């Protein structure tokens, strides 16, 4: 098990971006409101991919860096990989 740092910028962010790959059970650290937070990776997440730092319900908005980047296609638990298999991102012109 290792510790992986993640980038988290917006207070409303539901995910953070990993600075290294993570495997199931790895500790993920990020800063929120000046405090260090920790979660556990629930599965393999590639480097520079997103990991859920807040639970998301199907149909809910997914936030990264303070902006909506998509809609959750299914429930996403804290520590899960956030990517095209579970998020629908807006198409060209912002249409979903």
PDB file of N, CA and C in Angstrom:
ATOM      1  N   UNK A   1       0.850  -1.172   0.000  1.00  0.00           N
ATOM      2  CA  UNK A   1       0.000   0.000   0.000  1.00  0.00           C
ATOM      3  C   UNK A   1       0.898   1.239   0.000  1.00  0.00           C
ATOM      4  N   UNK A   2       0.469   2.252  -0.769  1.00  0.00           N
ATOM      5  CA  UNK A   2       1.236   3.493  -0.831  1.00  0.00           C
ATOM      6  C   UNK A   2       0.298   4.676  -0.650  1.00  0.00           C
ATOM      7  N   UNK A   3       0.889   5.856  -0.524  1.00  0.00           N
ATOM      8  CA  UNK A   3       0.129   7.098  -0.439  1.00  0.00           C
ATOM      9  C   UNK A   3       0.297   7.854  -1.743  1.00  0.00           C
ATOM     10  N   UNK A   4      -0.817   8.312  -2.304  1.00  0.00           N
ATOM     11  CA  UNK A   4      -0.827   9.048  -3.569  1.00  0.00           C
ATOM     12  C   UNK A   4      -1.453  10.412  -3.316  1.00  0.00           C
ATOM     13  N   UNK A   5      -0.800  11.456  -3.809  1.00  0.00           N
ATOM     14  CA  UNK A   5      -1.357  12.804  -3.689  1.00  0.00           C
ATOM     15  C   UNK A   5      -2.339  13.054  -4.823  1.00  0.00           C
ATOM     16  N   UNK A   6      -3.350  13.867  -4.513  1.00  0.00           N
ATOM     17  CA  UNK A   6      -4.351  14.229  -5.513  1.00  0.00           C
ATOM     18  C   UNK A   6      -4.540  15.744  -5.504  1.00  0.00           C
ATOM     19  N   UNK A   7      -4.909  16.281  -6.667  1.00  0.00           N
ATOM     20  CA  UNK A   7      -5.136  17.715  -6.827  1.00  0.00           C
ATOM     21  C   UNK A   7      -6.630  17.990  -6.702  1.00  0.00           C
ATOM     22  N   UNK A   8      -6.958  18.879  -5.795  1.00  0.00           N
ATOM     23  CA  UNK A   8      -8.348  19.261  -5.521  1.00  0.00           C
ATOM     24  C   UNK A   8      -8.371  20.775  -5.391  1.00  0.00           C
ATOM     25  N   UNK A   9      -9.185  21.475  -6.191  1.00  0.00           N
ATOM     26  CA  UNK A   9      -9.176  22.936  -6.175  1.00  0.00           C
ATOM     27  C   UNK A   9     -10.474  23.576  -5.706  1.00  0.00           C
ATOM     28  N   UNK A  10     -11.610  23.069  -6.146  1.00  0.00           N
ATOM     29  CA  UNK A  10     -12.889  23.717  -5.847  1.00  0.00           C
ATOM     30  C   UNK A  10     -13.569  23.152  -4.618  1.00  0.00           C
ATOM     31  N   UNK A  11     -14.191  24.028  -3.841  1.00  0.00           N
ATOM     32  CA  UNK A  11     -14.901  23.580  -2.640  1.00  0.00           C
ATOM     33  C   UNK A  11     -16.036  22.612  -2.957  1.00  0.00           C
ATOM     34  N   UNK A  12     -16.629  22.744  -4.142  1.00  0.00           N
ATOM     35  CA  UNK A  12     -17.735  21.868  -4.536  1.00  0.00           C
ATOM     36  C   UNK A  12     -17.278  20.610  -5.267  1.00  0.00           C
ATOM     37  N   UNK A  13     -15.962  20.480  -5.493  1.00  0.00           N
ATOM     38  CA  UNK A  13     -15.459  19.342  -6.261  1.00  0.00           C
ATOM     39  C   UNK A  13     -15.899  18.021  -5.652  1.00  0.00           C
ATOM     40  N   UNK A  14     -16.319  17.116  -6.530  1.00  0.00           N
ATOM     41  CA  UNK A  14     -16.693  15.767  -6.094  1.00  0.00           C
ATOM     42  C   UNK A  14     -15.602  14.760  -6.436  1.00  0.00           C
ATOM     43  N   UNK A  15     -14.581  15.229  -7.168  1.00  0.00           N
ATOM     44  CA  UNK A  15     -13.468  14.358  -7.524  1.00  0.00           C
ATOM     45  C   UNK A  15     -12.168  15.151  -7.471  1.00  0.00           C
ATOM     46  N   UNK A  16     -11.062  14.424  -7.437  1.00  0.00           N
ATOM     47  CA  UNK A  16      -9.728  15.008  -7.448  1.00  0.00           C
ATOM     48  C   UNK A  16      -8.902  14.241  -8.476  1.00  0.00           C
ATOM     49  N   UNK A  17      -7.805  14.838  -8.926  1.00  0.00           N
ATOM     50  CA  UNK A  17      -6.959  14.236  -9.956  1.00  0.00           C
ATOM     51  C   UNK A  17      -5.699  13.669  -9.303  1.00  0.00           C
ATOM     52  N   UNK A  18      -5.426  12.394  -9.575  1.00  0.00           N
ATOM     53  CA  UNK A  18      -4.262  11.729  -8.991  1.00  0.00           C
ATOM     54  C   UNK A  18      -2.965  12.172  -9.658  1.00  0.00           C
ATOM     55  N   UNK A  19      -1.894  12.298  -8.860  1.00  0.00           N
ATOM     56  CA  UNK A  19      -0.574  12.640  -9.392  1.00  0.00           C
ATOM     57  C   UNK A  19       0.275  11.395  -9.646  1.00  0.00           C
ATOM     58  N   UNK A  20      -0.273  10.232  -9.356  1.00  0.00           N
ATOM     59  CA  UNK A  20       0.366   8.942  -9.618  1.00  0.00           C
ATOM     60  C   UNK A  20      -0.771   7.923  -9.712  1.00  0.00           C
ATOM     61  N   UNK A  21      -0.489   6.744 -10.244  1.00  0.00           N
ATOM     62  CA  UNK A  21      -1.537   5.727 -10.288  1.00  0.00           C
ATOM     63  C   UNK A  21      -1.806   5.237  -8.871  1.00  0.00           C
ATOM     64  N   UNK A  22      -2.996   4.717  -8.666  1.00  0.00           N
ATOM     65  CA  UNK A  22      -3.362   4.140  -7.370  1.00  0.00           C
ATOM     66  C   UNK A  22      -3.933   2.747  -7.593  1.00  0.00           C
ATOM     67  N   UNK A  23      -3.714   1.901  -6.625  1.00  0.00           N
ATOM     68  CA  UNK A  23      -4.290   0.561  -6.609  1.00  0.00           C
ATOM     69  C   UNK A  23      -5.295   0.476  -5.464  1.00  0.00           C
ATOM     70  N   UNK A  24      -6.166  -0.515  -5.531  1.00  0.00           N
ATOM     71  CA  UNK A  24      -7.138  -0.729  -4.463  1.00  0.00           C
ATOM     72  C   UNK A  24      -6.422  -0.772  -3.117  1.00  0.00           C
ATOM     73  N   UNK A  25      -6.906  -0.010  -2.161  1.00  0.00           N
ATOM     74  CA  UNK A  25      -6.327   0.019  -0.823  1.00  0.00           C
ATOM     75  C   UNK A  25      -5.322   1.133  -0.594  1.00  0.00           C
ATOM     76  N   UNK A  26      -4.840   1.773  -1.667  1.00  0.00           N
ATOM     77  CA  UNK A  26      -3.891   2.876  -1.506  1.00  0.00           C
ATOM     78  C   UNK A  26      -4.567   4.065  -0.832  1.00  0.00           C
ATOM     79  N   UNK A  27      -3.782   4.792  -0.050  1.00  0.00           N
ATOM     80  CA  UNK A  27      -4.272   5.999   0.615  1.00  0.00           C
ATOM     81  C   UNK A  27      -4.110   7.183  -0.333  1.00  0.00           C
ATOM     82  N   UNK A  28      -5.167   7.967  -0.487  1.00  0.00           N
ATOM     83  CA  UNK A  28      -5.158   9.155  -1.337  1.00  0.00           C
ATOM     84  C   UNK A  28      -5.252  10.367  -0.420  1.00  0.00           C
ATOM     85  N   UNK A  29      -4.337  11.334  -0.599  1.00  0.00           N
ATOM     86  CA  UNK A  29      -4.368  12.547   0.214  1.00  0.00           C
ATOM     87  C   UNK A  29      -4.595  13.759  -0.677  1.00  0.00           C
ATOM     88  N   UNK A  30      -5.371  14.696  -0.162  1.00  0.00           N
ATOM     89  CA  UNK A  30      -5.613  15.964  -0.852  1.00  0.00           C
ATOM     90  C   UNK A  30      -5.926  17.012   0.215  1.00  0.00           C
ATOM     91  N   UNK A  31      -5.894  18.269  -0.166  1.00  0.00           N
ATOM     92  CA  UNK A  31      -6.186  19.351   0.773  1.00  0.00           C
ATOM     93  C   UNK A  31      -7.519  19.998   0.439  1.00  0.00           C
ATOM     94  N   UNK A  32      -8.292  20.242   1.469  1.00  0.00           N
ATOM     95  CA  UNK A  32      -9.593  20.891   1.321  1.00  0.00           C
ATOM     96  C   UNK A  32      -9.761  21.855   2.487  1.00  0.00           C
ATOM     97  N   UNK A  33      -9.951  23.137   2.163  1.00  0.00           N
ATOM     98  CA  UNK A  33     -10.131  24.134   3.213  1.00  0.00           C
ATOM     99  C   UNK A  33      -8.956  24.233   4.162  1.00  0.00           C
ATOM    100  N   UNK A  34      -7.748  23.994   3.664  1.00  0.00           N
ATOM    101  CA  UNK A  34      -6.551  24.089   4.487  1.00  0.00           C
ATOM    102  C   UNK A  34      -6.235  22.838   5.288  1.00  0.00           C
ATOM    103  N   UNK A  35      -7.106  21.858   5.247  1.00  0.00           N
ATOM    104  CA  UNK A  35      -6.892  20.616   6.001  1.00  0.00           C
ATOM    105  C   UNK A  35      -6.560  19.467   5.054  1.00  0.00           C
ATOM    106  N   UNK A  36      -5.668  18.585   5.509  1.00  0.00           N
ATOM    107  CA  UNK A  36      -5.374  17.390   4.722  1.00  0.00           C
ATOM    108  C   UNK A  36      -6.496  16.382   4.923  1.00  0.00           C
ATOM    109  N   UNK A  37      -6.977  15.824   3.830  1.00  0.00           N
ATOM    110  CA  UNK A  37      -8.025  14.804   3.855  1.00  0.00           C
ATOM    111  C   UNK A  37      -7.450  13.522   3.274  1.00  0.00           C
ATOM    112  N   UNK A  38      -8.000  12.400   3.688  1.00  0.00           N
ATOM    113  CA  UNK A  38      -7.557  11.095   3.207  1.00  0.00           C
ATOM    114  C   UNK A  38      -8.756  10.235   2.843  1.00  0.00           C
ATOM    115  N   UNK A  39      -8.623   9.524   1.741  1.00  0.00           N
ATOM    116  CA  UNK A  39      -9.605   8.518   1.349  1.00  0.00           C
ATOM    117  C   UNK A  39      -8.828   7.277   0.932  1.00  0.00           C
ATOM    118  N   UNK A  40      -9.532   6.198   0.690  1.00  0.00           N
ATOM    119  CA  UNK A  40      -8.908   4.956   0.243  1.00  0.00           C
ATOM    120  C   UNK A  40      -9.387   4.624  -1.160  1.00  0.00           C
ATOM    121  N   UNK A  41      -8.443   4.333  -2.055  1.00  0.00           N
ATOM    122  CA  UNK A  41      -8.800   3.930  -3.421  1.00  0.00           C
ATOM    123  C   UNK A  41      -9.537   2.598  -3.365  1.00  0.00           C
ATOM    124  N   UNK A  42     -10.661   2.512  -4.068  1.00  0.00           N
ATOM    125  CA  UNK A  42     -11.471   1.297  -4.091  1.00  0.00           C
ATOM    126  C   UNK A  42     -11.139   0.389  -5.271  1.00  0.00           C
ATOM    127  N   UNK A  43     -10.306   0.920  -6.188  1.00  0.00           N
ATOM    128  CA  UNK A  43      -9.943   0.172  -7.394  1.00  0.00           C
ATOM    129  C   UNK A  43      -8.730   0.840  -8.026  1.00  0.00           C
ATOM    130  N   UNK A  44      -8.185   0.232  -9.067  1.00  0.00           N
ATOM    131  CA  UNK A  44      -7.076   0.833  -9.810  1.00  0.00           C
ATOM    132  C   UNK A  44      -7.555   2.119 -10.476  1.00  0.00           C
ATOM    133  N   UNK A  45      -6.769   3.185 -10.331  1.00  0.00           N
ATOM    134  CA  UNK A  45      -7.044   4.458 -11.000  1.00  0.00           C
ATOM    135  C   UNK A  45      -5.735   4.914 -11.637  1.00  0.00           C
ATOM    136  N   UNK A  46      -5.718   5.126 -12.965  1.00  0.00           N
ATOM    137  CA  UNK A  46      -4.485   5.551 -13.639  1.00  0.00           C
ATOM    138  C   UNK A  46      -4.040   6.957 -13.216  1.00  0.00           C
ATOM    139  N   UNK A  47      -2.768   7.225 -13.422  1.00  0.00           N
ATOM    140  CA  UNK A  47      -2.216   8.551 -13.157  1.00  0.00           C
ATOM    141  C   UNK A  47      -2.971   9.600 -13.976  1.00  0.00           C
ATOM    142  N   UNK A  48      -3.169  10.762 -13.386  1.00  0.00           N
ATOM    143  CA  UNK A  48      -3.873  11.915 -13.966  1.00  0.00           C
ATOM    144  C   UNK A  48      -5.363  11.665 -14.200  1.00  0.00           C
ATOM    145  N   UNK A  49      -5.894  10.556 -13.702  1.00  0.00           N
ATOM    146  CA  UNK A  49      -7.334  10.316 -13.778  1.00  0.00           C
ATOM    147  C   UNK A  49      -7.987  10.802 -12.486  1.00  0.00           C
ATOM    148  N   UNK A  50      -9.302  10.861 -12.509  1.00  0.00           N
ATOM    149  CA  UNK A  50     -10.071  11.382 -11.383  1.00  0.00           C
ATOM    150  C   UNK A  50     -10.501  10.257 -10.441  1.00  0.00           C
ATOM    151  N   UNK A  51     -10.554  10.611  -9.156  1.00  0.00           N
ATOM    152  CA  UNK A  51     -11.046   9.708  -8.125  1.00  0.00           C
ATOM    153  C   UNK A  51     -12.121  10.449  -7.333  1.00  0.00           C
ATOM    154  N   UNK A  52     -13.178   9.745  -6.965  1.00  0.00           N
ATOM    155  CA  UNK A  52     -14.274  10.370  -6.217  1.00  0.00           C
ATOM    156  C   UNK A  52     -13.834  10.681  -4.790  1.00  0.00           C
ATOM    157  N   UNK A  53     -14.023  11.942  -4.380  1.00  0.00           N
ATOM    158  CA  UNK A  53     -13.746  12.329  -2.996  1.00  0.00           C
ATOM    159  C   UNK A  53     -15.045  12.570  -2.229  1.00  0.00           C
ATOM    160  N   UNK A  54     -16.150  12.576  -2.955  1.00  0.00           N
ATOM    161  CA  UNK A  54     -17.488  12.652  -2.359  1.00  0.00           C
ATOM    162  C   UNK A  54     -18.363  11.649  -3.095  1.00  0.00           C
ATOM    163  N   UNK A  55     -19.280  11.034  -2.383  1.00  0.00           N
ATOM    164  CA  UNK A  55     -20.207  10.100  -3.026  1.00  0.00           C
ATOM    165  C   UNK A  55     -21.117  10.879  -3.972  1.00  0.00           C
ATOM    166  N   UNK A  56     -21.417  10.272  -5.124  1.00  0.00           N
ATOM    167  CA  UNK A  56     -22.279  10.903  -6.123  1.00  0.00           C
ATOM    168  C   UNK A  56     -23.411   9.951  -6.471  1.00  0.00           C
ATOM    169  N   UNK A  57     -24.596  10.487  -6.575  1.00  0.00           N
ATOM    170  CA  UNK A  57     -25.769   9.711  -6.973  1.00  0.00           C
ATOM    171  C   UNK A  57     -25.922   9.748  -8.483  1.00  0.00           C
ATOM    172  N   UNK A  58     -26.470   8.694  -9.052  1.00  0.00           N
ATOM    173  CA  UNK A  58     -26.764   8.668 -10.488  1.00  0.00           C
ATOM    174  C   UNK A  58     -27.619   9.879 -10.834  1.00  0.00           C
ATOM    175  N   UNK A  59     -27.241  10.582 -11.897  1.00  0.00           N
ATOM    176  CA  UNK A  59     -27.964  11.777 -12.322  1.00  0.00           C
ATOM    177  C   UNK A  59     -27.436  13.062 -11.712  1.00  0.00           C
ATOM    178  N   UNK A  60     -26.539  12.941 -10.741  1.00  0.00           N
ATOM    179  CA  UNK A  60     -25.974  14.119 -10.084  1.00  0.00           C
ATOM    180  C   UNK A  60     -24.820  14.715 -10.874  1.00  0.00           C
ATOM    181  N   UNK A  61     -24.536  15.978 -10.609  1.00  0.00           N
ATOM    182  CA  UNK A  61     -23.447  16.670 -11.290  1.00  0.00           C
ATOM    183  C   UNK A  61     -22.099  16.245 -10.721  1.00  0.00           C
ATOM    184  N   UNK A  62     -21.113  16.137 -11.615  1.00  0.00           N
ATOM    185  CA  UNK A  62     -19.740  15.818 -11.238  1.00  0.00           C
ATOM    186  C   UNK A  62     -18.927  17.102 -11.383  1.00  0.00           C
ATOM    187  N   UNK A  63     -18.241  17.498 -10.301  1.00  0.00           N
ATOM    188  CA  UNK A  63     -17.460  18.735 -10.292  1.00  0.00           C
ATOM    189  C   UNK A  63     -15.964  18.442 -10.221  1.00  0.00           C
ATOM    190  N   UNK A  64     -15.195  19.169 -11.042  1.00  0.00           N
ATOM    191  CA  UNK A  64     -13.730  19.127 -10.990  1.00  0.00           C
ATOM    192  C   UNK A  64     -13.227  20.544 -11.178  1.00  0.00           C
ATOM    193  N   UNK A  65     -12.300  20.970 -10.319  1.00  0.00           N
ATOM    194  CA  UNK A  65     -11.716  22.320 -10.376  1.00  0.00           C
ATOM    195  C   UNK A  65     -12.795  23.396 -10.342  1.00  0.00           C
ATOM    196  N   UNK A  66     -13.893  23.143  -9.634  1.00  0.00           N
ATOM    197  CA  UNK A  66     -14.951  24.117  -9.459  1.00  0.00           C
ATOM    198  C   UNK A  66     -15.966  24.195 -10.580  1.00  0.00           C
ATOM    199  N   UNK A  67     -15.849  23.333 -11.584  1.00  0.00           N
ATOM    200  CA  UNK A  67     -16.765  23.367 -12.732  1.00  0.00           C
ATOM    201  C   UNK A  67     -17.451  22.019 -12.909  1.00  0.00           C
ATOM    202  N   UNK A  68     -18.669  22.056 -13.432  1.00  0.00           N
ATOM    203  CA  UNK A  68     -19.377  20.817 -13.752  1.00  0.00           C
ATOM    204  C   UNK A  68     -18.727  20.213 -14.991  1.00  0.00           C
ATOM    205  N   UNK A  69     -18.311  18.955 -14.879  1.00  0.00           N
ATOM    206  CA  UNK A  69     -17.674  18.278 -16.019  1.00  0.00           C
ATOM    207  C   UNK A  69     -18.543  17.158 -16.572  1.00  0.00           C
ATOM    208  N   UNK A  70     -19.653  16.867 -15.909  1.00  0.00           N
ATOM    209  CA  UNK A  70     -20.517  15.809 -16.402  1.00  0.00           C
ATOM    210  C   UNK A  70     -21.587  15.426 -15.405  1.00  0.00           C
ATOM    211  N   UNK A  71     -22.308  14.378 -15.779  1.00  0.00           N
ATOM    212  CA  UNK A  71     -23.394  13.828 -14.970  1.00  0.00           C
ATOM    213  C   UNK A  71     -23.067  12.365 -14.663  1.00  0.00           C
ATOM    214  N   UNK A  72     -23.205  11.984 -13.402  1.00  0.00           N
ATOM    215  CA  UNK A  72     -22.943  10.596 -13.008  1.00  0.00           C
ATOM    216  C   UNK A  72     -23.972   9.670 -13.655  1.00  0.00           C
ATOM    217  N   UNK A  73     -23.495   8.632 -14.323  1.00  0.00           N
ATOM    218  CA  UNK A  73     -24.374   7.658 -14.965  1.00  0.00           C
ATOM    219  C   UNK A  73     -24.895   6.621 -13.978  1.00  0.00           C
ATOM    220  N   UNK A  74     -24.198   6.469 -12.857  1.00  0.00           N
ATOM    221  CA  UNK A  74     -24.588   5.535 -11.808  1.00  0.00           C
ATOM    222  C   UNK A  74     -24.065   6.093 -10.494  1.00  0.00           C
ATOM    223  N   UNK A  75     -24.445   5.498  -9.393  1.00  0.00           N
ATOM    224  CA  UNK A  75     -23.894   5.914  -8.108  1.00  0.00           C
ATOM    225  C   UNK A  75     -22.387   5.680  -8.128  1.00  0.00           C
ATOM    226  N   UNK A  76     -21.635   6.647  -7.610  1.00  0.00           N
ATOM    227  CA  UNK A  76     -20.178   6.550  -7.553  1.00  0.00           C
ATOM    228  C   UNK A  76     -19.770   6.737  -6.095  1.00  0.00           C
ATOM    229  N   UNK A  77     -19.085   5.751  -5.546  1.00  0.00           N
ATOM    230  CA  UNK A  77     -18.668   5.795  -4.143  1.00  0.00           C
ATOM    231  C   UNK A  77     -17.329   6.516  -4.001  1.00  0.00           C
ATOM    232  N   UNK A  78     -17.077   7.033  -2.813  1.00  0.00           N
ATOM    233  CA  UNK A  78     -15.791   7.648  -2.509  1.00  0.00           C
ATOM    234  C   UNK A  78     -14.690   6.623  -2.773  1.00  0.00           C
ATOM    235  N   UNK A  79     -13.647   7.047  -3.488  1.00  0.00           N
ATOM    236  CA  UNK A  79     -12.519   6.169  -3.783  1.00  0.00           C
ATOM    237  C   UNK A  79     -12.609   5.451  -5.110  1.00  0.00           C
ATOM    238  N   UNK A  80     -13.727   5.602  -5.824  1.00  0.00           N
ATOM    239  CA  UNK A  80     -13.866   4.955  -7.131  1.00  0.00           C
ATOM    240  C   UNK A  80     -13.323   5.836  -8.247  1.00  0.00           C
ATOM    241  N   UNK A  81     -12.900   5.191  -9.318  1.00  0.00           N
ATOM    242  CA  UNK A  81     -12.430   5.850 -10.533  1.00  0.00           C
ATOM    243  C   UNK A  81     -13.599   6.615 -11.149  1.00  0.00           C
ATOM    244  N   UNK A  82     -13.371   7.871 -11.515  1.00  0.00           N
ATOM    245  CA  UNK A  82     -14.392   8.704 -12.160  1.00  0.00           C
ATOM    246  C   UNK A  82     -13.936   8.919 -13.596  1.00  0.00           C
ATOM    247  N   UNK A  83     -14.673   8.334 -14.551  1.00  0.00           N
ATOM    248  CA  UNK A  83     -14.237   8.386 -15.952  1.00  0.00           C
ATOM    249  C   UNK A  83     -15.446   8.133 -16.861  1.00  0.00           C
ATOM    250  N   UNK A  84     -15.192   7.888 -18.124  1.00  0.00           N
ATOM    251  CA  UNK A  84     -16.261   7.755 -19.116  1.00  0.00           C
ATOM    252  C   UNK A  84     -17.195   6.570 -18.857  1.00  0.00           C
ATOM    253  N   UNK A  85     -16.772   5.581 -18.094  1.00  0.00           N
ATOM    254  CA  UNK A  85     -17.634   4.431 -17.810  1.00  0.00           C
ATOM    255  C   UNK A  85     -18.737   4.765 -16.800  1.00  0.00           C
ATOM    256  N   UNK A  86     -18.568   5.872 -16.049  1.00  0.00           N
ATOM    257  CA  UNK A  86     -19.590   6.220 -15.064  1.00  0.00           C
ATOM    258  C   UNK A  86     -19.975   7.706 -15.062  1.00  0.00           C
ATOM    259  N   UNK A  87     -19.470   8.470 -16.054  1.00  0.00           N
ATOM    260  CA  UNK A  87     -19.811   9.891 -16.177  1.00  0.00           C
ATOM    261  C   UNK A  87     -20.098  10.216 -17.635  1.00  0.00           C
ATOM    262  N   UNK A  88     -21.202  10.932 -17.860  1.00  0.00           N
ATOM    263  CA  UNK A  88     -21.505  11.448 -19.200  1.00  0.00           C
ATOM    264  C   UNK A  88     -21.082  12.908 -19.220  1.00  0.00           C
ATOM    265  N   UNK A  89     -20.141  13.239 -20.105  1.00  0.00           N
ATOM    266  CA  UNK A  89     -19.663  14.612 -20.225  1.00  0.00           C
ATOM    267  C   UNK A  89     -20.393  15.314 -21.351  1.00  0.00           C
ATOM    268  N   UNK A  90     -20.586  16.642 -21.221  1.00  0.00           N
ATOM    269  CA  UNK A  90     -21.279  17.389 -22.277  1.00  0.00           C
ATOM    270  C   UNK A  90     -20.559  17.263 -23.610  1.00  0.00           C
ATOM    271  N   UNK A  91     -21.340  17.220 -24.665  1.00  0.00           N
ATOM    272  CA  UNK A  91     -20.770  17.186 -26.004  1.00  0.00           C
ATOM    273  C   UNK A  91     -20.394  18.577 -26.460  1.00  0.00           C
ATOM    274  N   UNK A  92     -20.076  18.695 -27.711  1.00  0.00           N
ATOM    275  CA  UNK A  92     -19.708  19.977 -28.292  1.00  0.00           C
ATOM    276  C   UNK A  92     -20.843  20.975 -28.081  1.00  0.00           C
ATOM    277  N   UNK A  93     -20.496  22.184 -27.673  1.00  0.00           N
ATOM    278  CA  UNK A  93     -21.503  23.201 -27.425  1.00  0.00           C
ATOM    279  C   UNK A  93     -22.178  23.063 -26.073  1.00  0.00           C
ATOM    280  N   UNK A  94     -21.664  22.156 -25.216  1.00  0.00           N
ATOM    281  CA  UNK A  94     -22.204  22.002 -23.873  1.00  0.00           C
ATOM    282  C   UNK A  94     -23.448  21.146 -23.778  1.00  0.00           C
ATOM    283  N   UNK A  95     -23.855  20.496 -24.876  1.00  0.00           N
ATOM    284  CA  UNK A  95     -25.053  19.655 -24.840  1.00  0.00           C
ATOM    285  C   UNK A  95     -24.729  18.308 -24.228  1.00  0.00           C
ATOM    286  N   UNK A  96     -25.663  17.785 -23.437  1.00  0.00           N
ATOM    287  CA  UNK A  96     -25.451  16.469 -22.840  1.00  0.00           C
ATOM    288  C   UNK A  96     -26.236  15.421 -23.579  1.00  0.00           C
TER     289      UNK A  96
END
